[in-house]
Amino acid sequence: MIEIIVTVCALAQPTQCEEQHLQFAFGGSPRQCAMNAQPYLAQWLNEHPKWSIVRWHCDVPRRQEKADARRPARPA
């Protein structure tokens, strides 16, 4: 399983952006995912017409969570 991390912005308010984590049933590497995800992203846009995709990339799920866990805690 690969995750497509998509930054989307509202068409009505282009400064209102958020990150979406989409599960992509793909058996290849994140690099291969990046080359094959465009039809999936087009389908997502059709289902979410009030949003625009501004950037995206593929990654292995929880990779970022593991990286965050290894960082030292910041003082409050």
N, C-alpha and C. Protein backbone atom coordinates (compact mmCIF):
# COMPACT_ATOMS: atom_id res chain seq x y z
N MET A 1 0.85 -1.17 0.00
CA MET A 1 0.00 0.00 0.00
C MET A 1 0.89 1.24 0.00
N ILE A 2 0.51 2.20 -0.78
CA ILE A 2 1.22 3.47 -0.90
C ILE A 2 0.25 4.58 -0.53
N GLU A 3 0.76 5.65 -0.02
CA GLU A 3 -0.05 6.81 0.28
C GLU A 3 0.29 7.91 -0.71
N ILE A 4 -0.74 8.58 -1.20
CA ILE A 4 -0.52 9.78 -2.01
C ILE A 4 -0.83 10.95 -1.08
N ILE A 5 0.18 11.77 -0.84
CA ILE A 5 0.01 12.94 0.01
C ILE A 5 -0.25 14.11 -0.93
N VAL A 6 -1.45 14.68 -0.81
CA VAL A 6 -1.93 15.69 -1.74
C VAL A 6 -2.19 16.99 -0.98
N THR A 7 -1.65 18.08 -1.48
CA THR A 7 -2.01 19.39 -0.95
C THR A 7 -3.09 19.95 -1.85
N VAL A 8 -4.24 20.24 -1.24
CA VAL A 8 -5.38 20.75 -2.00
C VAL A 8 -5.78 22.11 -1.44
N CYS A 9 -6.28 22.97 -2.33
CA CYS A 9 -6.75 24.29 -1.94
C CYS A 9 -8.17 24.47 -2.44
N ALA A 10 -8.96 25.17 -1.66
CA ALA A 10 -10.35 25.44 -2.03
C ALA A 10 -10.38 26.39 -3.23
N LEU A 11 -11.21 26.09 -4.21
CA LEU A 11 -11.32 26.96 -5.37
C LEU A 11 -11.87 28.33 -4.98
N ALA A 12 -12.81 28.38 -4.06
CA ALA A 12 -13.41 29.65 -3.65
C ALA A 12 -12.47 30.48 -2.79
N GLN A 13 -11.53 29.83 -2.08
CA GLN A 13 -10.57 30.51 -1.22
C GLN A 13 -9.21 29.86 -1.42
N PRO A 14 -8.47 30.29 -2.44
CA PRO A 14 -7.20 29.62 -2.77
C PRO A 14 -6.16 29.60 -1.65
N THR A 15 -6.32 30.45 -0.64
CA THR A 15 -5.37 30.41 0.47
C THR A 15 -5.77 29.38 1.53
N GLN A 16 -6.95 28.79 1.39
CA GLN A 16 -7.40 27.74 2.32
C GLN A 16 -6.95 26.40 1.76
N CYS A 17 -5.83 25.91 2.28
CA CYS A 17 -5.25 24.67 1.78
C CYS A 17 -5.13 23.66 2.91
N GLU A 18 -5.12 22.40 2.53
CA GLU A 18 -4.95 21.33 3.52
C GLU A 18 -4.29 20.15 2.84
N GLU A 19 -3.77 19.27 3.66
CA GLU A 19 -3.10 18.07 3.17
C GLU A 19 -4.04 16.88 3.32
N GLN A 20 -4.14 16.11 2.27
CA GLN A 20 -4.95 14.88 2.27
C GLN A 20 -4.00 13.69 2.11
N HIS A 21 -4.27 12.62 2.83
CA HIS A 21 -3.50 11.38 2.71
C HIS A 21 -4.44 10.34 2.11
N LEU A 22 -4.19 9.99 0.86
CA LEU A 22 -5.05 9.06 0.13
C LEU A 22 -4.36 7.71 0.03
N GLN A 23 -5.08 6.66 0.39
CA GLN A 23 -4.55 5.31 0.26
C GLN A 23 -4.64 4.89 -1.19
N PHE A 24 -3.55 4.40 -1.74
CA PHE A 24 -3.47 4.03 -3.15
C PHE A 24 -3.01 2.58 -3.21
N ALA A 25 -3.89 1.70 -3.64
CA ALA A 25 -3.55 0.28 -3.73
C ALA A 25 -2.63 0.08 -4.93
N PHE A 26 -1.34 0.16 -4.66
CA PHE A 26 -0.33 0.08 -5.71
C PHE A 26 0.83 -0.74 -5.18
N GLY A 27 1.30 -1.67 -5.96
CA GLY A 27 2.34 -2.59 -5.52
C GLY A 27 3.75 -2.16 -5.82
N GLY A 28 3.94 -0.97 -6.38
CA GLY A 28 5.28 -0.53 -6.76
C GLY A 28 5.89 0.42 -5.73
N SER A 29 6.96 1.04 -6.15
CA SER A 29 7.68 1.98 -5.29
C SER A 29 6.99 3.35 -5.30
N PRO A 30 7.35 4.23 -4.36
CA PRO A 30 6.80 5.58 -4.40
C PRO A 30 7.11 6.30 -5.72
N ARG A 31 8.26 6.06 -6.29
CA ARG A 31 8.59 6.69 -7.58
C ARG A 31 7.66 6.19 -8.69
N GLN A 32 7.41 4.89 -8.72
CA GLN A 32 6.48 4.33 -9.71
C GLN A 32 5.07 4.84 -9.46
N CYS A 33 4.70 5.00 -8.19
CA CYS A 33 3.40 5.53 -7.84
C CYS A 33 3.23 6.92 -8.43
N ALA A 34 4.25 7.75 -8.31
CA ALA A 34 4.18 9.12 -8.83
C ALA A 34 3.89 9.14 -10.33
N MET A 35 4.35 8.13 -11.03
CA MET A 35 4.11 8.08 -12.48
C MET A 35 2.75 7.48 -12.82
N ASN A 36 2.12 6.79 -11.88
CA ASN A 36 0.85 6.11 -12.15
C ASN A 36 -0.35 6.67 -11.41
N ALA A 37 -0.16 7.67 -10.58
CA ALA A 37 -1.23 8.17 -9.72
C ALA A 37 -2.14 9.18 -10.41
N GLN A 38 -1.77 9.73 -11.54
CA GLN A 38 -2.56 10.80 -12.15
C GLN A 38 -4.01 10.43 -12.42
N PRO A 39 -4.33 9.25 -12.94
CA PRO A 39 -5.76 8.92 -13.11
C PRO A 39 -6.51 8.86 -11.77
N TYR A 40 -5.87 8.38 -10.73
CA TYR A 40 -6.48 8.32 -9.41
C TYR A 40 -6.74 9.74 -8.89
N LEU A 41 -5.78 10.64 -9.10
CA LEU A 41 -5.95 12.03 -8.68
C LEU A 41 -7.06 12.72 -9.48
N ALA A 42 -7.15 12.41 -10.76
CA ALA A 42 -8.22 12.98 -11.60
C ALA A 42 -9.59 12.51 -11.09
N GLN A 43 -9.69 11.26 -10.69
CA GLN A 43 -10.94 10.74 -10.13
C GLN A 43 -11.27 11.47 -8.82
N TRP A 44 -10.25 11.69 -7.97
CA TRP A 44 -10.47 12.39 -6.71
C TRP A 44 -10.99 13.80 -6.98
N LEU A 45 -10.41 14.48 -7.97
CA LEU A 45 -10.87 15.83 -8.32
C LEU A 45 -12.31 15.82 -8.81
N ASN A 46 -12.69 14.82 -9.58
CA ASN A 46 -14.07 14.72 -10.05
C ASN A 46 -15.04 14.54 -8.87
N GLU A 47 -14.60 13.86 -7.83
CA GLU A 47 -15.44 13.62 -6.65
C GLU A 47 -15.41 14.79 -5.66
N HIS A 48 -14.45 15.70 -5.82
CA HIS A 48 -14.28 16.84 -4.91
C HIS A 48 -14.12 18.12 -5.76
N PRO A 49 -15.18 18.55 -6.44
CA PRO A 49 -15.06 19.66 -7.40
C PRO A 49 -14.77 21.03 -6.79
N LYS A 50 -14.86 21.17 -5.49
CA LYS A 50 -14.58 22.46 -4.85
C LYS A 50 -13.11 22.64 -4.50
N TRP A 51 -12.29 21.65 -4.84
CA TRP A 51 -10.87 21.66 -4.48
C TRP A 51 -9.98 21.62 -5.72
N SER A 52 -8.78 22.10 -5.55
CA SER A 52 -7.76 22.06 -6.61
C SER A 52 -6.50 21.44 -6.01
N ILE A 53 -5.86 20.56 -6.75
CA ILE A 53 -4.61 19.95 -6.29
C ILE A 53 -3.47 20.89 -6.68
N VAL A 54 -2.67 21.27 -5.69
CA VAL A 54 -1.54 22.16 -5.97
C VAL A 54 -0.20 21.42 -5.96
N ARG A 55 -0.13 20.31 -5.22
CA ARG A 55 1.08 19.47 -5.27
C ARG A 55 0.76 18.12 -4.66
N TRP A 56 1.58 17.13 -5.00
CA TRP A 56 1.36 15.79 -4.46
C TRP A 56 2.63 14.97 -4.62
N HIS A 57 2.74 13.95 -3.79
CA HIS A 57 3.82 12.97 -3.90
C HIS A 57 3.37 11.67 -3.25
N CYS A 58 4.07 10.62 -3.53
CA CYS A 58 3.75 9.31 -2.98
C CYS A 58 4.77 8.96 -1.90
N ASP A 59 4.31 8.22 -0.91
CA ASP A 59 5.19 7.79 0.17
C ASP A 59 4.62 6.52 0.79
N VAL A 60 5.46 5.86 1.56
CA VAL A 60 5.03 4.69 2.30
C VAL A 60 4.27 5.17 3.53
N PRO A 61 3.10 4.64 3.84
CA PRO A 61 2.35 5.09 5.02
C PRO A 61 3.19 4.99 6.30
N ARG A 62 3.00 5.97 7.16
CA ARG A 62 3.63 6.05 8.48
C ARG A 62 5.12 6.35 8.43
N ARG A 63 5.70 6.53 7.26
CA ARG A 63 7.12 6.87 7.21
C ARG A 63 7.37 8.19 7.94
N GLN A 64 6.52 9.18 7.74
CA GLN A 64 6.69 10.47 8.40
C GLN A 64 6.49 10.34 9.90
N GLU A 65 5.51 9.54 10.33
CA GLU A 65 5.27 9.35 11.76
C GLU A 65 6.51 8.76 12.43
N LYS A 66 7.16 7.80 11.78
CA LYS A 66 8.37 7.19 12.35
C LYS A 66 9.48 8.23 12.42
N ALA A 67 9.62 9.07 11.41
CA ALA A 67 10.66 10.10 11.42
C ALA A 67 10.40 11.10 12.54
N ASP A 68 9.14 11.46 12.75
CA ASP A 68 8.80 12.38 13.83
C ASP A 68 9.11 11.79 15.19
N ALA A 69 8.89 10.49 15.34
CA ALA A 69 9.13 9.82 16.62
C ALA A 69 10.61 9.79 16.96
N ARG A 70 11.50 9.81 15.96
CA ARG A 70 12.93 9.78 16.20
C ARG A 70 13.50 11.15 16.57
N ARG A 71 12.78 12.21 16.27
CA ARG A 71 13.26 13.55 16.59
C ARG A 71 13.15 13.80 18.09
N PRO A 72 14.10 14.54 18.64
CA PRO A 72 13.98 14.88 20.06
C PRO A 72 12.78 15.79 20.30
N ALA A 73 12.18 15.64 21.45
CA ALA A 73 11.01 16.46 21.78
C ALA A 73 11.43 17.91 21.96
N ARG A 74 10.57 18.81 21.52
CA ARG A 74 10.83 20.24 21.67
C ARG A 74 10.31 20.68 23.04
N PRO A 75 11.05 21.57 23.69
CA PRO A 75 10.53 22.07 24.98
C PRO A 75 9.27 22.89 24.78
N ALA A 76 8.36 22.80 25.72
CA ALA A 76 7.08 23.51 25.62
C ALA A 76 7.21 24.96 26.00
